[in-house]
């Protein structure tokens, strides 16, 4: 029996990864997406370009993973004991992240690039969209435990519902903040969350929760 094949080369360094992602954020703030280069990021991170290219094939992949890291680090669903309050809090968090200059510079650019690059589109789905769906899953589970929502009985329907909730929240906030350029403030967030939870009838009847 032959011995197991051992991988060659040095293991990937978490410290180098962190330095590269931090350097990418700094470069996005200072130069924007269009002028960002792999060479500049490598120099800022203090790593060789070969180290950078072993991890990311091009700047689009690097920028997607940088955005994903920011979302993973800063986007959390608080447990406020009420589904409406939980959603409002995470919407305002998300809107705040979209105000960061590095996110504003990067997100729309890579989305535009992905319309011509199916591989990049898959990476955006895997590294950003699918990972942030954890917030919807967590919020629904908490609401079900509190009795605010009925339990799931159909796994296929549950998955579709999770996808739909995520699309409605992310789509509305990104459109308002980055496309329309309108504020995602407490008043808008209360109204949006009311429509999300109770439907258009609540909004047209003026059944919005009062401002605190």
Protein backbone atom coordinates (compact mmCIF):
# COMPACT_ATOMS: atom_id res chain seq x y z
CA UNK A 1 0.00 0.00 0.00
CA UNK A 2 1.45 3.34 -1.01
CA UNK A 3 1.71 6.07 1.65
CA UNK A 4 -0.76 8.96 1.36
CA UNK A 5 0.28 11.77 -0.91
CA UNK A 6 1.40 14.85 1.01
CA UNK A 7 0.73 18.35 -0.21
CA UNK A 8 3.79 20.32 -1.16
CA UNK A 9 4.46 23.94 -0.44
CA UNK A 10 3.84 26.08 2.60
CA UNK A 11 0.36 26.23 4.17
CA UNK A 12 -1.71 29.32 3.53
CA UNK A 13 -1.10 32.03 6.14
CA UNK A 14 -4.13 33.55 7.85
CA UNK A 15 -1.96 36.53 8.78
CA UNK A 16 -1.09 37.15 5.13
CA UNK A 17 -4.75 36.80 4.14
CA UNK A 18 -5.75 39.40 6.72
CA UNK A 19 -3.02 41.79 5.61
CA UNK A 20 -4.09 41.45 1.97
CA UNK A 21 -7.78 42.04 2.71
CA UNK A 22 -6.95 45.05 4.89
CA UNK A 23 -4.69 46.43 2.16
CA UNK A 24 -7.46 45.99 -0.40
CA UNK A 25 -9.88 47.96 1.79
CA UNK A 26 -7.34 50.77 2.13
CA UNK A 27 -6.69 50.83 -1.60
CA UNK A 28 -10.42 50.94 -2.39
CA UNK A 29 -10.81 53.96 -0.11
CA UNK A 30 -7.84 55.82 -1.59
CA UNK A 31 -7.98 54.90 -5.28
CA UNK A 32 -11.39 53.33 -5.92
CA UNK A 33 -12.08 50.11 -7.79
CA UNK A 34 -11.04 51.26 -11.27
CA UNK A 35 -7.48 52.22 -10.25
CA UNK A 36 -6.89 49.36 -7.83
CA UNK A 37 -4.12 47.01 -8.95
CA UNK A 38 -2.84 43.71 -7.62
CA UNK A 39 0.65 45.18 -7.44
CA UNK A 40 -0.50 48.06 -5.25
CA UNK A 41 -2.33 45.69 -2.90
CA UNK A 42 0.71 43.42 -2.63
CA UNK A 43 2.94 46.37 -1.78
CA UNK A 44 0.52 47.68 0.83
CA UNK A 45 0.20 44.23 2.41
CA UNK A 46 3.95 43.62 2.38
CA UNK A 47 3.67 40.39 0.41
CA UNK A 48 5.02 39.23 -2.94
CA UNK A 49 2.72 39.43 -5.95
CA UNK A 50 3.11 35.67 -6.32
CA UNK A 51 1.64 35.27 -2.82
CA UNK A 52 -1.34 37.38 -3.84
CA UNK A 53 -1.92 35.52 -7.11
CA UNK A 54 -1.76 32.13 -5.36
CA UNK A 55 -4.84 33.21 -3.44
CA UNK A 56 -6.78 35.35 -5.94
CA UNK A 57 -6.59 35.10 -9.72
CA UNK A 58 -7.57 38.72 -10.32
CA UNK A 59 -8.70 41.89 -8.60
CA UNK A 60 -12.41 41.14 -8.99
CA UNK A 61 -12.11 37.97 -6.93
CA UNK A 62 -10.02 39.84 -4.36
CA UNK A 63 -12.54 42.66 -4.09
CA UNK A 64 -15.47 40.25 -3.71
CA UNK A 65 -13.70 38.47 -0.85
CA UNK A 66 -12.84 41.80 0.76
CA UNK A 67 -16.49 42.87 0.72
CA UNK A 68 -17.48 39.47 2.07
CA UNK A 69 -15.01 39.81 4.94
CA UNK A 70 -16.40 43.23 5.89
CA UNK A 71 -19.95 41.87 5.92
CA UNK A 72 -18.94 38.79 7.91
CA UNK A 73 -17.18 40.94 10.49
CA UNK A 74 -19.73 43.70 10.96
CA UNK A 75 -23.17 42.45 9.93
CA UNK A 76 -24.97 40.70 12.78
CA UNK A 77 -28.59 40.12 13.70
CA UNK A 78 -29.28 41.42 17.23
CA UNK A 79 -31.72 39.59 19.46
CA UNK A 80 -34.11 42.33 20.60
CA UNK A 81 -36.96 39.95 21.44
CA UNK A 82 -39.16 41.16 18.60
CA UNK A 83 -39.01 40.27 14.91
CA UNK A 84 -39.79 43.79 13.68
CA UNK A 85 -37.10 45.31 15.89
CA UNK A 86 -34.56 42.65 14.85
CA UNK A 87 -35.15 43.33 11.14
CA UNK A 88 -35.02 47.09 11.56
CA UNK A 89 -31.71 46.83 13.39
CA UNK A 90 -30.05 44.64 10.75
CA UNK A 91 -31.38 46.83 7.90
CA UNK A 92 -29.80 49.90 9.51
CA UNK A 93 -26.56 47.96 10.04
CA UNK A 94 -26.51 46.94 6.39
CA UNK A 95 -27.22 50.47 5.24
CA UNK A 96 -24.37 51.71 7.42
CA UNK A 97 -21.97 49.28 5.76
CA UNK A 98 -23.08 50.49 2.33
CA UNK A 99 -22.00 53.97 3.40
CA UNK A 100 -18.39 52.84 3.88
CA UNK A 101 -16.33 54.24 0.99
CA UNK A 102 -14.65 50.91 0.26
CA UNK A 103 -18.00 49.13 0.01
CA UNK A 104 -19.54 51.88 -2.13
CA UNK A 105 -16.52 51.73 -4.43
CA UNK A 106 -16.49 47.96 -4.71
CA UNK A 107 -19.97 46.49 -4.60
CA UNK A 108 -21.59 48.08 -7.64
CA UNK A 109 -18.38 47.69 -9.65
CA UNK A 110 -18.06 43.94 -9.16
CA UNK A 111 -21.80 43.45 -9.70
CA UNK A 112 -21.47 45.28 -13.03
CA UNK A 113 -18.45 43.16 -13.95
CA UNK A 114 -20.34 39.99 -13.06
CA UNK A 115 -22.90 40.66 -15.80
CA UNK A 116 -20.14 39.68 -18.25
CA UNK A 117 -18.45 37.05 -16.09
CA UNK A 118 -20.46 34.06 -14.91
CA UNK A 119 -17.60 32.83 -12.71
CA UNK A 120 -17.54 36.15 -10.88
CA UNK A 121 -21.32 36.02 -10.48
CA UNK A 122 -21.02 32.58 -8.88
CA UNK A 123 -18.34 33.91 -6.54
CA UNK A 124 -20.56 36.81 -5.47
CA UNK A 125 -23.39 34.39 -4.75
CA UNK A 126 -21.16 32.00 -2.80
CA UNK A 127 -19.06 34.47 -0.84
CA UNK A 128 -21.55 37.28 -0.19
CA UNK A 129 -25.16 36.30 -0.87
CA UNK A 130 -25.23 32.73 0.44
CA UNK A 131 -23.11 33.56 3.48
CA UNK A 132 -25.33 36.47 4.52
CA UNK A 133 -28.48 34.37 4.25
CA UNK A 134 -27.40 33.10 7.68
CA UNK A 135 -29.06 36.23 9.09
CA UNK A 136 -32.42 35.30 7.59
CA UNK A 137 -32.12 31.73 8.85
CA UNK A 138 -31.21 32.95 12.33
CA UNK A 139 -34.00 35.53 12.42
CA UNK A 140 -36.65 33.04 11.30
CA UNK A 141 -35.45 30.44 13.82
CA UNK A 142 -35.62 32.94 16.67
CA UNK A 143 -39.08 34.13 15.61
CA UNK A 144 -40.30 30.54 15.39
CA UNK A 145 -38.93 29.79 18.87
CA UNK A 146 -40.83 32.82 20.22
CA UNK A 147 -44.01 31.81 18.40
CA UNK A 148 -43.93 34.88 16.15
CA UNK A 149 -43.76 32.69 13.05
CA UNK A 150 -45.12 29.17 12.43
CA UNK A 151 -42.57 26.35 12.23
CA UNK A 152 -41.36 25.16 8.84
CA UNK A 153 -43.06 22.01 7.60
CA UNK A 154 -41.78 21.94 4.01
CA UNK A 155 -37.98 22.18 3.55
CA UNK A 156 -38.30 23.25 -0.08
CA UNK A 157 -40.74 26.03 0.80
CA UNK A 158 -38.53 27.10 3.71
CA UNK A 159 -35.54 27.48 1.38
CA UNK A 160 -37.57 29.47 -1.13
CA UNK A 161 -38.89 31.72 1.65
CA UNK A 162 -35.37 32.34 2.95
CA UNK A 163 -34.21 33.29 -0.54
CA UNK A 164 -37.18 35.61 -1.05
CA UNK A 165 -36.73 37.39 2.27
CA UNK A 166 -33.04 37.93 1.60
CA UNK A 167 -33.72 39.22 -1.92
CA UNK A 168 -36.35 41.67 -0.68
CA UNK A 169 -34.20 43.08 2.13
CA UNK A 170 -30.90 43.22 0.26
CA UNK A 171 -32.48 44.41 -2.97
CA UNK A 172 -34.46 47.21 -1.36
CA UNK A 173 -31.59 48.52 0.75
CA UNK A 174 -28.97 48.34 -2.02
CA UNK A 175 -31.32 50.04 -4.48
CA UNK A 176 -32.24 52.86 -2.10
CA UNK A 177 -28.71 53.46 -0.80
CA UNK A 178 -26.59 52.93 -3.92
CA UNK A 179 -28.92 53.37 -6.89
CA UNK A 180 -31.46 55.97 -5.78
CA UNK A 181 -29.10 57.61 -3.31
CA UNK A 182 -31.87 58.10 -0.76
CA UNK A 183 -31.34 57.78 3.00
CA UNK A 184 -32.03 54.49 4.73
CA UNK A 185 -33.08 56.12 7.97
CA UNK A 186 -35.20 54.94 10.90
CA UNK A 187 -38.47 56.15 9.38
CA UNK A 188 -37.92 54.45 6.03
CA UNK A 189 -36.74 51.30 7.79
CA UNK A 190 -39.86 51.12 9.96
CA UNK A 191 -42.07 51.47 6.90
CA UNK A 192 -40.13 48.93 4.87
CA UNK A 193 -40.15 46.40 7.70
CA UNK A 194 -43.89 46.85 8.19
CA UNK A 195 -44.51 46.10 4.51
CA UNK A 196 -42.16 43.11 4.69
CA UNK A 197 -43.94 41.61 7.69
CA UNK A 198 -47.56 42.65 7.11
CA UNK A 199 -47.89 43.32 3.39
CA UNK A 200 -49.00 46.27 1.32
CA UNK A 201 -52.33 46.55 3.11
CA UNK A 202 -50.58 47.70 6.30
CA UNK A 203 -48.77 50.45 4.41
CA UNK A 204 -51.76 51.68 2.43
CA UNK A 205 -53.85 51.84 5.61
CA UNK A 206 -51.16 53.79 7.41
CA UNK A 207 -50.65 50.98 9.90
CA UNK A 208 -47.01 51.79 10.52
CA UNK A 209 -45.44 51.55 13.96
CA UNK A 210 -44.91 54.93 15.61
CA UNK A 211 -41.46 56.35 15.92
CA UNK A 212 -39.87 55.57 19.31
